[in-house]
Amino acid sequence: MGNDGGSIPDRRDLVRTKAKAEQADKANQVRAVWFFCALSKRPLQEPIVSCPLGKLYNKDALLEFLLDRQSFGDGEEICGHIRAMKDVKTLKLTPNPTKTAPSGGTSESSPIHAPFVCPLNFKEMNGVQPFVYLSTCGCVFSQAGLKAVTGTARPKTPPTEAQGKDADKSADTAQSTSLDLCPQCGAKYDRSTDVLMLNPPSEVEEQMRAAMEVRRATEPVKSKGKSKKRKAAAAADAAAEPPAKKAASMPTTNSSVTSATRAVAESLAQEEAKRKAGMSDAVKSLYASKDGPKKKETFMTMGTFTRYA
């Protein structure tokens, strides 16, 4: 081989090796999750909502999906668990003061600032640090900032022997009723159930999905027969009312109006009697009552219909 003007093959040209699997760019994946809507894939713009699984959506895109669930190709896979707008929460986000408008001359090496930050420690919401939101008010914080403000755990005092069983009961009730306050708006929330992570990892997302299903299973079922039962009960109450109440509830008329109406009716009847008195017999027969004496049919009117027969 060689000396013929051709190329000299190498081992990698003769032996086929297993191709390496393509790896997705993690930076682009993180940017797609935190900077773009999970449903429409468009940049996030306020108002922004989040579901019980911590995904971020543009509110207008989610409304379009709920009106027509076939408007997006993968809509059922992404947010099929959303039944209505009551299943999502509008987020109260803090704009990033250092964010600049993108220009065409920016280079790839220039840093991309997140559009929102934590109001407690001003950390950018870009996926580097975990962020959470409160399901009661919708305020968004970084997980580290919220822990620094509220503390890691509530102080607990062990019950004394003199308190006995009453101390255990009071401790349970105090633990169930004690709530934290939102550091931004002051709304009350439960630290164990109302703090939800944004864009959680797969393990945490499965836990959040299980908690969502348990919460929905405990919701009261709306029965369609309630309106019918209410109408039937109202009809029964109306039938059970005494006649005295019904008579009292009937509208009353003024006596002067009744007397005036009676006088007008009598005057009209007198005028009608005077008009009929001056009529001929032929005209009177037109106004004869049907119950009066019937005239005998003649040969000319037998079996035919005439108004004078």
C-alpha atoms as a PDB file:
ATOM      1  CA  MET A   1       0.000   0.000   0.000  1.00  0.00           C
ATOM      2  CA  GLY A   2       1.365   3.359  -0.921  1.00  0.00           C
ATOM      3  CA  ASN A   3       3.537   4.652  -3.745  1.00  0.00           C
ATOM      4  CA  ASP A   4       0.457   4.725  -5.940  1.00  0.00           C
ATOM      5  CA  GLY A   5      -0.705   8.224  -5.221  1.00  0.00           C
ATOM      6  CA  GLY A   6      -3.580   7.015  -3.041  1.00  0.00           C
ATOM      7  CA  SER A   7      -4.305   7.570   0.614  1.00  0.00           C
ATOM      8  CA  ILE A   8      -3.082   5.411   3.450  1.00  0.00           C
ATOM      9  CA  PRO A   9      -6.047   4.148   5.546  1.00  0.00           C
ATOM     10  CA  ASP A  10      -5.884   4.332   9.300  1.00  0.00           C
ATOM     11  CA  ARG A  11      -7.436   1.989  11.885  1.00  0.00           C
ATOM     12  CA  ARG A  12     -10.392   4.261  12.496  1.00  0.00           C
ATOM     13  CA  ASP A  13     -11.107   4.077   8.753  1.00  0.00           C
ATOM     14  CA  LEU A  14     -11.114   0.277   8.657  1.00  0.00           C
ATOM     15  CA  VAL A  15     -12.682  -0.610  12.047  1.00  0.00           C
ATOM     16  CA  ARG A  16     -16.158   0.649  12.826  1.00  0.00           C
ATOM     17  CA  THR A  17     -16.497   1.792  16.387  1.00  0.00           C
ATOM     18  CA  LYS A  18     -19.733   2.348  18.336  1.00  0.00           C
ATOM     19  CA  ALA A  19     -21.046   5.857  17.841  1.00  0.00           C
ATOM     20  CA  LYS A  20     -21.353   7.976  20.959  1.00  0.00           C
ATOM     21  CA  ALA A  21     -24.828   8.950  22.006  1.00  0.00           C
ATOM     22  CA  GLU A  22     -25.664  12.567  21.403  1.00  0.00           C
ATOM     23  CA  GLN A  23     -25.950  14.543  24.609  1.00  0.00           C
ATOM     24  CA  ALA A  24     -28.265  17.490  24.904  1.00  0.00           C
ATOM     25  CA  ASP A  25     -26.866  20.787  25.994  1.00  0.00           C
ATOM     26  CA  LYS A  26     -27.803  21.193  29.664  1.00  0.00           C
ATOM     27  CA  ALA A  27     -27.450  24.967  29.507  1.00  0.00           C
ATOM     28  CA  ASN A  28     -30.031  25.165  26.722  1.00  0.00           C
ATOM     29  CA  GLN A  29     -32.349  22.813  28.587  1.00  0.00           C
ATOM     30  CA  VAL A  30     -32.193  24.943  31.726  1.00  0.00           C
ATOM     31  CA  ARG A  31     -32.718  28.120  29.725  1.00  0.00           C
ATOM     32  CA  ALA A  32     -35.745  26.613  27.934  1.00  0.00           C
ATOM     33  CA  VAL A  33     -37.346  25.700  31.268  1.00  0.00           C
ATOM     34  CA  TRP A  34     -36.786  28.998  33.088  1.00  0.00           C
ATOM     35  CA  PHE A  35     -37.033  31.522  30.237  1.00  0.00           C
ATOM     36  CA  PHE A  36     -39.802  30.075  28.039  1.00  0.00           C
ATOM     37  CA  CYS A  37     -43.398  28.936  28.480  1.00  0.00           C
ATOM     38  CA  ALA A  38     -43.691  25.175  28.937  1.00  0.00           C
ATOM     39  CA  LEU A  39     -46.762  25.031  26.699  1.00  0.00           C
ATOM     40  CA  SER A  40     -46.296  27.547  23.874  1.00  0.00           C
ATOM     41  CA  LYS A  41     -42.446  27.600  23.920  1.00  0.00           C
ATOM     42  CA  ARG A  42     -42.615  31.407  23.722  1.00  0.00           C
ATOM     43  CA  PRO A  43     -40.661  33.701  26.096  1.00  0.00           C
ATOM     44  CA  LEU A  44     -42.264  34.109  29.493  1.00  0.00           C
ATOM     45  CA  GLN A  45     -44.256  37.321  29.820  1.00  0.00           C
ATOM     46  CA  GLU A  46     -46.442  38.448  32.672  1.00  0.00           C
ATOM     47  CA  PRO A  47     -48.986  37.365  33.697  1.00  0.00           C
ATOM     48  CA  ILE A  48     -47.271  34.054  34.422  1.00  0.00           C
ATOM     49  CA  VAL A  49     -49.002  31.139  36.146  1.00  0.00           C
ATOM     50  CA  SER A  50     -47.756  27.906  37.658  1.00  0.00           C
ATOM     51  CA  CYS A  51     -49.460  24.531  38.115  1.00  0.00           C
ATOM     52  CA  PRO A  52     -49.231  22.202  41.152  1.00  0.00           C
ATOM     53  CA  LEU A  53     -46.242  20.522  39.446  1.00  0.00           C
ATOM     54  CA  GLY A  54     -44.236  23.771  39.371  1.00  0.00           C
ATOM     55  CA  LYS A  55     -44.208  24.366  35.602  1.00  0.00           C
ATOM     56  CA  LEU A  56     -44.291  27.913  34.241  1.00  0.00           C
ATOM     57  CA  TYR A  57     -46.862  29.027  31.650  1.00  0.00           C
ATOM     58  CA  ASN A  58     -47.953  32.210  29.964  1.00  0.00           C
ATOM     59  CA  LYS A  59     -51.501  32.850  31.072  1.00  0.00           C
ATOM     60  CA  ASP A  60     -52.774  33.633  27.573  1.00  0.00           C
ATOM     61  CA  ALA A  61     -51.338  30.373  26.195  1.00  0.00           C
ATOM     62  CA  LEU A  62     -52.974  28.371  28.982  1.00  0.00           C
ATOM     63  CA  LEU A  63     -56.327  30.054  28.340  1.00  0.00           C
ATOM     64  CA  GLU A  64     -56.027  29.170  24.664  1.00  0.00           C
ATOM     65  CA  PHE A  65     -55.319  25.553  25.603  1.00  0.00           C
ATOM     66  CA  LEU A  66     -58.312  25.332  27.955  1.00  0.00           C
ATOM     67  CA  LEU A  67     -60.619  26.738  25.268  1.00  0.00           C
ATOM     68  CA  ASP A  68     -59.321  24.268  22.671  1.00  0.00           C
ATOM     69  CA  ARG A  69     -57.277  21.400  24.077  1.00  0.00           C
ATOM     70  CA  GLN A  70     -56.147  20.466  20.554  1.00  0.00           C
ATOM     71  CA  SER A  71     -54.592  23.862  19.841  1.00  0.00           C
ATOM     72  CA  PHE A  72     -51.141  22.635  20.908  1.00  0.00           C
ATOM     73  CA  GLY A  73     -49.751  19.346  19.672  1.00  0.00           C
ATOM     74  CA  ASP A  74     -48.222  18.148  22.948  1.00  0.00           C
ATOM     75  CA  GLY A  75     -50.580  20.079  25.225  1.00  0.00           C
ATOM     76  CA  GLU A  76     -52.115  16.998  26.852  1.00  0.00           C
ATOM     77  CA  GLU A  77     -48.683  15.592  27.693  1.00  0.00           C
ATOM     78  CA  ILE A  78     -47.433  18.838  29.211  1.00  0.00           C
ATOM     79  CA  CYS A  79     -50.454  20.198  31.067  1.00  0.00           C
ATOM     80  CA  GLY A  80     -53.157  17.561  30.738  1.00  0.00           C
ATOM     81  CA  HIS A  81     -53.502  17.598  34.529  1.00  0.00           C
ATOM     82  CA  ILE A  82     -54.869  21.170  34.434  1.00  0.00           C
ATOM     83  CA  ARG A  83     -58.675  21.094  34.416  1.00  0.00           C
ATOM     84  CA  ALA A  84     -59.444  24.816  34.738  1.00  0.00           C
ATOM     85  CA  MET A  85     -57.847  28.101  35.725  1.00  0.00           C
ATOM     86  CA  LYS A  86     -58.564  27.320  39.375  1.00  0.00           C
ATOM     87  CA  ASP A  87     -55.839  24.640  39.208  1.00  0.00           C
ATOM     88  CA  VAL A  88     -53.108  27.229  38.586  1.00  0.00           C
ATOM     89  CA  LYS A  89     -51.827  30.216  40.553  1.00  0.00           C
ATOM     90  CA  THR A  90     -50.831  33.588  39.151  1.00  0.00           C
ATOM     91  CA  LEU A  91     -47.274  34.333  40.296  1.00  0.00           C
ATOM     92  CA  LYS A  92     -46.129  37.607  41.851  1.00  0.00           C
ATOM     93  CA  LEU A  93     -42.665  38.004  40.353  1.00  0.00           C
ATOM     94  CA  THR A  94     -40.019  40.649  41.078  1.00  0.00           C
ATOM     95  CA  PRO A  95     -38.454  42.146  37.903  1.00  0.00           C
ATOM     96  CA  ASN A  96     -34.704  42.065  37.577  1.00  0.00           C
ATOM     97  CA  PRO A  97     -33.363  45.658  37.798  1.00  0.00           C
ATOM     98  CA  THR A  98     -30.137  44.710  35.977  1.00  0.00           C
ATOM     99  CA  LYS A  99     -31.842  43.088  33.009  1.00  0.00           C
ATOM    100  CA  THR A 100     -31.237  44.981  29.758  1.00  0.00           C
ATOM    101  CA  ALA A 101     -33.237  44.746  26.566  1.00  0.00           C
ATOM    102  CA  PRO A 102     -31.663  42.282  24.071  1.00  0.00           C
ATOM    103  CA  SER A 103     -29.950  43.896  21.101  1.00  0.00           C
ATOM    104  CA  GLY A 104     -28.799  42.447  17.811  1.00  0.00           C
ATOM    105  CA  GLY A 105     -25.140  43.238  18.485  1.00  0.00           C
ATOM    106  CA  THR A 106     -24.798  41.118  21.636  1.00  0.00           C
ATOM    107  CA  SER A 107     -22.290  38.308  21.436  1.00  0.00           C
ATOM    108  CA  GLU A 108     -22.781  34.747  22.606  1.00  0.00           C
ATOM    109  CA  SER A 109     -20.257  35.229  25.398  1.00  0.00           C
ATOM    110  CA  SER A 110     -22.244  38.048  26.983  1.00  0.00           C
ATOM    111  CA  PRO A 111     -24.172  36.925  30.086  1.00  0.00           C
ATOM    112  CA  ILE A 112     -27.931  36.483  29.807  1.00  0.00           C
ATOM    113  CA  HIS A 113     -29.711  38.002  32.789  1.00  0.00           C
ATOM    114  CA  ALA A 114     -32.902  36.412  34.050  1.00  0.00           C
ATOM    115  CA  PRO A 115     -36.012  38.604  33.841  1.00  0.00           C
ATOM    116  CA  PHE A 116     -36.946  37.986  37.494  1.00  0.00           C
ATOM    117  CA  VAL A 117     -35.117  37.823  40.815  1.00  0.00           C
ATOM    118  CA  CYS A 118     -35.846  36.875  44.412  1.00  0.00           C
ATOM    119  CA  PRO A 119     -37.049  39.912  46.399  1.00  0.00           C
ATOM    120  CA  LEU A 120     -35.165  38.732  49.520  1.00  0.00           C
ATOM    121  CA  ASN A 121     -31.613  38.138  48.313  1.00  0.00           C
ATOM    122  CA  PHE A 122     -31.883  39.345  44.666  1.00  0.00           C
ATOM    123  CA  LYS A 123     -30.708  36.036  43.245  1.00  0.00           C
ATOM    124  CA  GLU A 124     -31.662  35.641  39.589  1.00  0.00           C
ATOM    125  CA  MET A 125     -34.326  33.077  38.671  1.00  0.00           C
ATOM    126  CA  ASN A 126     -32.227  31.329  36.035  1.00  0.00           C
ATOM    127  CA  GLY A 127     -32.121  27.730  37.278  1.00  0.00           C
ATOM    128  CA  VAL A 128     -28.865  27.982  39.209  1.00  0.00           C
ATOM    129  CA  GLN A 129     -30.693  28.122  42.524  1.00  0.00           C
ATOM    130  CA  PRO A 130     -34.036  26.441  43.326  1.00  0.00           C
ATOM    131  CA  PHE A 131     -37.018  28.766  43.526  1.00  0.00           C
ATOM    132  CA  VAL A 132     -40.354  28.210  45.276  1.00  0.00           C
ATOM    133  CA  TYR A 133     -43.727  29.933  45.341  1.00  0.00           C
ATOM    134  CA  LEU A 134     -46.522  30.087  47.907  1.00  0.00           C
ATOM    135  CA  SER A 135     -49.785  28.573  46.731  1.00  0.00           C
ATOM    136  CA  THR A 136     -51.817  30.910  48.954  1.00  0.00           C
ATOM    137  CA  CYS A 137     -50.609  34.266  47.575  1.00  0.00           C
ATOM    138  CA  GLY A 138     -48.374  33.393  44.590  1.00  0.00           C
ATOM    139  CA  CYS A 139     -45.241  35.194  45.809  1.00  0.00           C
ATOM    140  CA  VAL A 140     -41.992  33.743  44.415  1.00  0.00           C
ATOM    141  CA  PHE A 141     -38.749  33.449  46.420  1.00  0.00           C
ATOM    142  CA  SER A 142     -35.511  31.564  46.228  1.00  0.00           C
ATOM    143  CA  GLN A 143     -35.501  28.544  48.486  1.00  0.00           C
ATOM    144  CA  ALA A 144     -32.424  29.766  50.366  1.00  0.00           C
ATOM    145  CA  GLY A 145     -33.866  33.250  50.869  1.00  0.00           C
ATOM    146  CA  LEU A 146     -37.172  31.943  52.216  1.00  0.00           C
ATOM    147  CA  LYS A 147     -35.402  29.592  54.621  1.00  0.00           C
ATOM    148  CA  ALA A 148     -33.160  32.405  55.850  1.00  0.00           C
ATOM    149  CA  VAL A 149     -36.155  34.625  56.607  1.00  0.00           C
ATOM    150  CA  THR A 150     -38.581  32.095  58.096  1.00  0.00           C
ATOM    151  CA  GLY A 151     -36.034  29.829  59.801  1.00  0.00           C
ATOM    152  CA  THR A 152     -35.443  26.128  59.407  1.00  0.00           C
ATOM    153  CA  ALA A 153     -37.890  24.833  62.015  1.00  0.00           C
ATOM    154  CA  ARG A 154     -40.258  26.040  64.693  1.00  0.00           C
ATOM    155  CA  PRO A 155     -39.037  25.836  68.277  1.00  0.00           C
ATOM    156  CA  LYS A 156     -40.786  23.131  70.221  1.00  0.00           C
ATOM    157  CA  THR A 157     -40.942  22.873  74.030  1.00  0.00           C
ATOM    158  CA  PRO A 158     -41.297  19.378  75.525  1.00  0.00           C
ATOM    159  CA  PRO A 159     -44.439  18.928  77.668  1.00  0.00           C
ATOM    160  CA  THR A 160     -44.031  18.536  81.428  1.00  0.00           C
ATOM    161  CA  GLU A 161     -45.370  15.635  83.450  1.00  0.00           C
ATOM    162  CA  ALA A 162     -47.971  17.821  85.150  1.00  0.00           C
ATOM    163  CA  GLN A 163     -49.596  18.684  81.838  1.00  0.00           C
ATOM    164  CA  GLY A 164     -50.211  15.038  80.893  1.00  0.00           C
ATOM    165  CA  LYS A 165     -52.615  14.290  78.086  1.00  0.00           C
ATOM    166  CA  ASP A 166     -53.887  17.857  77.890  1.00  0.00           C
ATOM    167  CA  ALA A 167     -50.416  18.991  76.874  1.00  0.00           C
ATOM    168  CA  ASP A 168     -50.341  16.539  73.973  1.00  0.00           C
ATOM    169  CA  LYS A 169     -53.722  17.686  72.726  1.00  0.00           C
ATOM    170  CA  SER A 170     -52.791  21.363  73.003  1.00  0.00           C
ATOM    171  CA  ALA A 171     -49.495  20.726  71.183  1.00  0.00           C
ATOM    172  CA  ASP A 172     -51.320  19.040  68.324  1.00  0.00           C
ATOM    173  CA  THR A 173     -53.819  21.867  67.998  1.00  0.00           C
ATOM    174  CA  ALA A 174     -51.071  24.515  68.192  1.00  0.00           C
ATOM    175  CA  GLN A 175     -49.059  22.779  65.494  1.00  0.00           C
ATOM    176  CA  SER A 176     -52.108  22.570  63.226  1.00  0.00           C
ATOM    177  CA  THR A 177     -53.138  26.203  63.741  1.00  0.00           C
ATOM    178  CA  SER A 178     -49.696  27.891  63.694  1.00  0.00           C
ATOM    179  CA  LEU A 179     -49.028  29.386  60.265  1.00  0.00           C
ATOM    180  CA  ASP A 180     -46.194  31.427  58.815  1.00  0.00           C
ATOM    181  CA  LEU A 181     -46.519  34.853  57.214  1.00  0.00           C
ATOM    182  CA  CYS A 182     -45.364  35.646  53.705  1.00  0.00           C
ATOM    183  CA  PRO A 183     -42.337  37.972  53.956  1.00  0.00           C
ATOM    184  CA  GLN A 184     -43.558  39.998  50.967  1.00  0.00           C
ATOM    185  CA  CYS A 185     -47.337  40.400  51.328  1.00  0.00           C
ATOM    186  CA  GLY A 186     -48.032  39.051  54.829  1.00  0.00           C
ATOM    187  CA  ALA A 187     -50.444  36.297  53.749  1.00  0.00           C
ATOM    188  CA  LYS A 188     -50.629  33.204  55.931  1.00  0.00           C
ATOM    189  CA  TYR A 189     -49.361  29.886  54.611  1.00  0.00           C
ATOM    190  CA  ASP A 190     -48.506  26.398  55.830  1.00  0.00           C
ATOM    191  CA  ARG A 191     -44.841  25.577  55.425  1.00  0.00           C
ATOM    192  CA  SER A 192     -45.477  21.867  54.849  1.00  0.00           C
ATOM    193  CA  THR A 193     -48.156  22.073  52.142  1.00  0.00           C
ATOM    194  CA  ASP A 194     -48.247  25.584  50.633  1.00  0.00           C
ATOM    195  CA  VAL A 195     -44.582  25.898  49.553  1.00  0.00           C
ATOM    196  CA  LEU A 196     -44.185  24.477  46.014  1.00  0.00           C
ATOM    197  CA  MET A 197     -40.957  24.257  44.023  1.00  0.00           C
ATOM    198  CA  LEU A 198     -40.672  25.736  40.552  1.00  0.00           C
ATOM    199  CA  ASN A 199     -39.355  23.420  37.823  1.00  0.00           C
ATOM    200  CA  PRO A 200     -38.508  20.631  40.295  1.00  0.00           C
ATOM    201  CA  PRO A 201     -36.384  17.566  39.433  1.00  0.00           C
ATOM    202  CA  SER A 202     -38.138  14.379  38.369  1.00  0.00           C
ATOM    203  CA  GLU A 203     -38.120  12.827  41.863  1.00  0.00           C
ATOM    204  CA  VAL A 204     -39.673  15.895  43.486  1.00  0.00           C
ATOM    205  CA  GLU A 205     -42.143  16.236  40.615  1.00  0.00           C
ATOM    206  CA  GLU A 206     -43.451  12.714  41.253  1.00  0.00           C
ATOM    207  CA  GLN A 207     -43.972  13.589  44.914  1.00  0.00           C
ATOM    208  CA  MET A 208     -45.807  16.782  43.958  1.00  0.00           C
ATOM    209  CA  ARG A 209     -47.995  14.826  41.520  1.00  0.00           C
ATOM    210  CA  ALA A 210     -48.917  12.305  44.236  1.00  0.00           C
ATOM    211  CA  ALA A 211     -49.782  15.134  46.638  1.00  0.00           C
ATOM    212  CA  MET A 212     -51.931  16.777  43.936  1.00  0.00           C
ATOM    213  CA  GLU A 213     -53.854  13.548  43.332  1.00  0.00           C
ATOM    214  CA  VAL A 214     -54.432  13.067  47.065  1.00  0.00           C
ATOM    215  CA  ARG A 215     -55.662  16.661  47.372  1.00  0.00           C
ATOM    216  CA  ARG A 216     -58.056  16.238  44.468  1.00  0.00           C
ATOM    217  CA  ALA A 217     -59.369  12.949  45.850  1.00  0.00           C
ATOM    218  CA  THR A 218     -60.394  14.701  49.065  1.00  0.00           C
ATOM    219  CA  GLU A 219     -62.275  17.476  47.251  1.00  0.00           C
ATOM    220  CA  PRO A 220     -66.073  17.377  47.695  1.00  0.00           C
ATOM    221  CA  VAL A 221     -67.961  16.030  44.708  1.00  0.00           C
ATOM    222  CA  LYS A 222     -70.358  18.508  43.119  1.00  0.00           C
ATOM    223  CA  SER A 223     -73.768  16.864  42.632  1.00  0.00           C
ATOM    224  CA  LYS A 224     -75.982  18.000  39.767  1.00  0.00           C
ATOM    225  CA  GLY A 225     -79.194  17.193  41.662  1.00  0.00           C
ATOM    226  CA  LYS A 226     -78.789  19.942  44.248  1.00  0.00           C
ATOM    227  CA  SER A 227     -80.682  22.504  42.196  1.00  0.00           C
ATOM    228  CA  LYS A 228     -83.572  20.081  41.640  1.00  0.00           C
ATOM    229  CA  LYS A 229     -83.735  19.332  45.359  1.00  0.00           C
ATOM    230  CA  ARG A 230     -83.780  23.035  46.177  1.00  0.00           C
ATOM    231  CA  LYS A 231     -86.625  23.654  43.708  1.00  0.00           C
ATOM    232  CA  ALA A 232     -88.608  20.729  45.129  1.00  0.00           C
ATOM    233  CA  ALA A 233     -88.065  21.998  48.680  1.00  0.00           C
ATOM    234  CA  ALA A 234     -89.194  25.504  47.686  1.00  0.00           C
ATOM    235  CA  ALA A 235     -92.332  24.086  46.051  1.00  0.00           C
ATOM    236  CA  ALA A 236     -93.090  22.016  49.166  1.00  0.00           C
ATOM    237  CA  ASP A 237     -92.680  25.069  51.407  1.00  0.00           C
ATOM    238  CA  ALA A 238     -95.005  27.082  49.176  1.00  0.00           C
ATOM    239  CA  ALA A 239     -97.627  24.317  49.303  1.00  0.00           C
ATOM    240  CA  ALA A 240     -97.322  24.018  53.088  1.00  0.00           C
ATOM    241  CA  GLU A 241     -98.065  27.703  53.699  1.00  0.00           C
ATOM    242  CA  PRO A 242    -101.467  28.368  55.352  1.00  0.00           C
ATOM    243  CA  PRO A 243    -104.138  30.071  53.236  1.00  0.00           C
ATOM    244  CA  ALA A 244    -104.083  33.106  55.518  1.00  0.00           C
ATOM    245  CA  LYS A 245    -100.464  33.795  54.581  1.00  0.00           C
ATOM    246  CA  LYS A 246    -101.205  33.260  50.896  1.00  0.00           C
ATOM    247  CA  ALA A 247    -104.118  35.703  51.075  1.00  0.00           C
ATOM    248  CA  ALA A 248    -101.921  38.194  52.862  1.00  0.00           C
ATOM    249  CA  SER A 249     -99.254  37.830  50.217  1.00  0.00           C
ATOM    250  CA  MET A 250    -101.753  38.495  47.383  1.00  0.00           C
ATOM    251  CA  PRO A 251    -101.601  42.047  46.009  1.00  0.00           C
ATOM    252  CA  THR A 252    -104.479  44.312  47.097  1.00  0.00           C
ATOM    253  CA  THR A 253    -106.279  46.743  44.791  1.00  0.00           C
ATOM    254  CA  ASN A 254    -107.444  50.241  45.612  1.00  0.00           C
ATOM    255  CA  SER A 255    -111.181  50.613  46.267  1.00  0.00           C
ATOM    256  CA  SER A 256    -111.400  53.839  44.272  1.00  0.00           C
ATOM    257  CA  VAL A 257    -109.922  52.132  41.220  1.00  0.00           C
ATOM    258  CA  THR A 258    -112.422  49.268  41.548  1.00  0.00           C
ATOM    259  CA  SER A 259    -115.443  51.612  41.768  1.00  0.00           C
ATOM    260  CA  ALA A 260    -114.272  53.617  38.756  1.00  0.00           C
ATOM    261  CA  THR A 261    -113.860  50.445  36.708  1.00  0.00           C
ATOM    262  CA  ARG A 262    -117.356  49.263  37.661  1.00  0.00           C
ATOM    263  CA  ALA A 263    -118.882  52.619  36.660  1.00  0.00           C
ATOM    264  CA  VAL A 264    -117.209  52.542  33.246  1.00  0.00           C
ATOM    265  CA  ALA A 265    -118.441  48.980  32.625  1.00  0.00           C
ATOM    266  CA  GLU A 266    -122.043  49.923  33.525  1.00  0.00           C
ATOM    267  CA  SER A 267    -121.981  52.965  31.203  1.00  0.00           C
ATOM    268  CA  LEU A 268    -120.720  50.840  28.323  1.00  0.00           C
ATOM    269  CA  ALA A 269    -123.475  48.280  28.923  1.00  0.00           C
ATOM    270  CA  GLN A 270    -126.156  51.009  28.839  1.00  0.00           C
ATOM    271  CA  GLU A 271    -124.821  52.417  25.576  1.00  0.00           C
ATOM    272  CA  GLU A 272    -124.842  48.927  24.034  1.00  0.00           C
ATOM    273  CA  ALA A 273    -128.484  48.376  25.093  1.00  0.00           C
ATOM    274  CA  LYS A 274    -129.554  51.712  23.552  1.00  0.00           C
ATOM    275  CA  ARG A 275    -127.775  50.852  20.307  1.00  0.00           C
ATOM    276  CA  LYS A 276    -129.493  47.457  20.027  1.00  0.00           C
ATOM    277  CA  ALA A 277    -132.908  48.974  20.783  1.00  0.00           C
ATOM    278  CA  GLY A 278    -132.862  50.972  17.550  1.00  0.00           C
ATOM    279  CA  MET A 279    -131.938  47.993  15.358  1.00  0.00           C
ATOM    280  CA  SER A 280    -134.281  46.193  12.930  1.00  0.00           C
ATOM    281  CA  ASP A 281    -135.289  42.563  13.355  1.00  0.00           C
ATOM    282  CA  ALA A 282    -132.898  41.415  10.632  1.00  0.00           C
ATOM    283  CA  VAL A 283    -129.944  43.065  12.309  1.00  0.00           C
ATOM    284  CA  LYS A 284    -131.034  41.787  15.729  1.00  0.00           C
ATOM    285  CA  SER A 285    -131.037  38.255  14.399  1.00  0.00           C
ATOM    286  CA  LEU A 286    -127.294  38.571  13.792  1.00  0.00           C
ATOM    287  CA  TYR A 287    -126.740  39.109  17.513  1.00  0.00           C
ATOM    288  CA  ALA A 288    -129.178  36.405  18.615  1.00  0.00           C
ATOM    289  CA  SER A 289    -127.762  33.911  21.110  1.00  0.00           C
ATOM    290  CA  LYS A 290    -127.114  30.335  20.076  1.00  0.00           C
ATOM    291  CA  ASP A 291    -129.154  29.004  22.993  1.00  0.00           C
ATOM    292  CA  GLY A 292    -132.316  30.781  21.797  1.00  0.00           C
ATOM    293  CA  PRO A 293    -135.187  29.171  19.831  1.00  0.00           C
ATOM    294  CA  LYS A 294    -133.998  27.688  16.556  1.00  0.00           C
ATOM    295  CA  LYS A 295    -135.846  28.571  13.335  1.00  0.00           C
ATOM    296  CA  LYS A 296    -137.273  25.779  11.258  1.00  0.00           C
ATOM    297  CA  GLU A 297    -135.435  25.049   8.039  1.00  0.00           C
ATOM    298  CA  THR A 298    -137.267  25.616   4.755  1.00  0.00           C
ATOM    299  CA  PHE A 299    -136.826  23.943   1.406  1.00  0.00           C
ATOM    300  CA  MET A 300    -134.426  26.674   0.301  1.00  0.00           C
ATOM    301  CA  THR A 301    -132.194  26.520   3.390  1.00  0.00           C
ATOM    302  CA  MET A 302    -132.342  22.776   4.161  1.00  0.00           C
ATOM    303  CA  GLY A 303    -128.845  21.220   4.284  1.00  0.00           C
ATOM    304  CA  THR A 304    -127.080  24.515   3.604  1.00  0.00           C
ATOM    305  CA  PHE A 305    -125.290  26.995   5.802  1.00  0.00           C
ATOM    306  CA  THR A 306    -126.645  30.488   6.026  1.00  0.00           C
ATOM    307  CA  ARG A 307    -126.072  33.026   8.688  1.00  0.00           C
ATOM    308  CA  TYR A 308    -129.813  33.698   8.950  1.00  0.00           C
ATOM    309  CA  ALA A 309    -130.956  30.060   9.244  1.00  0.00           C
END
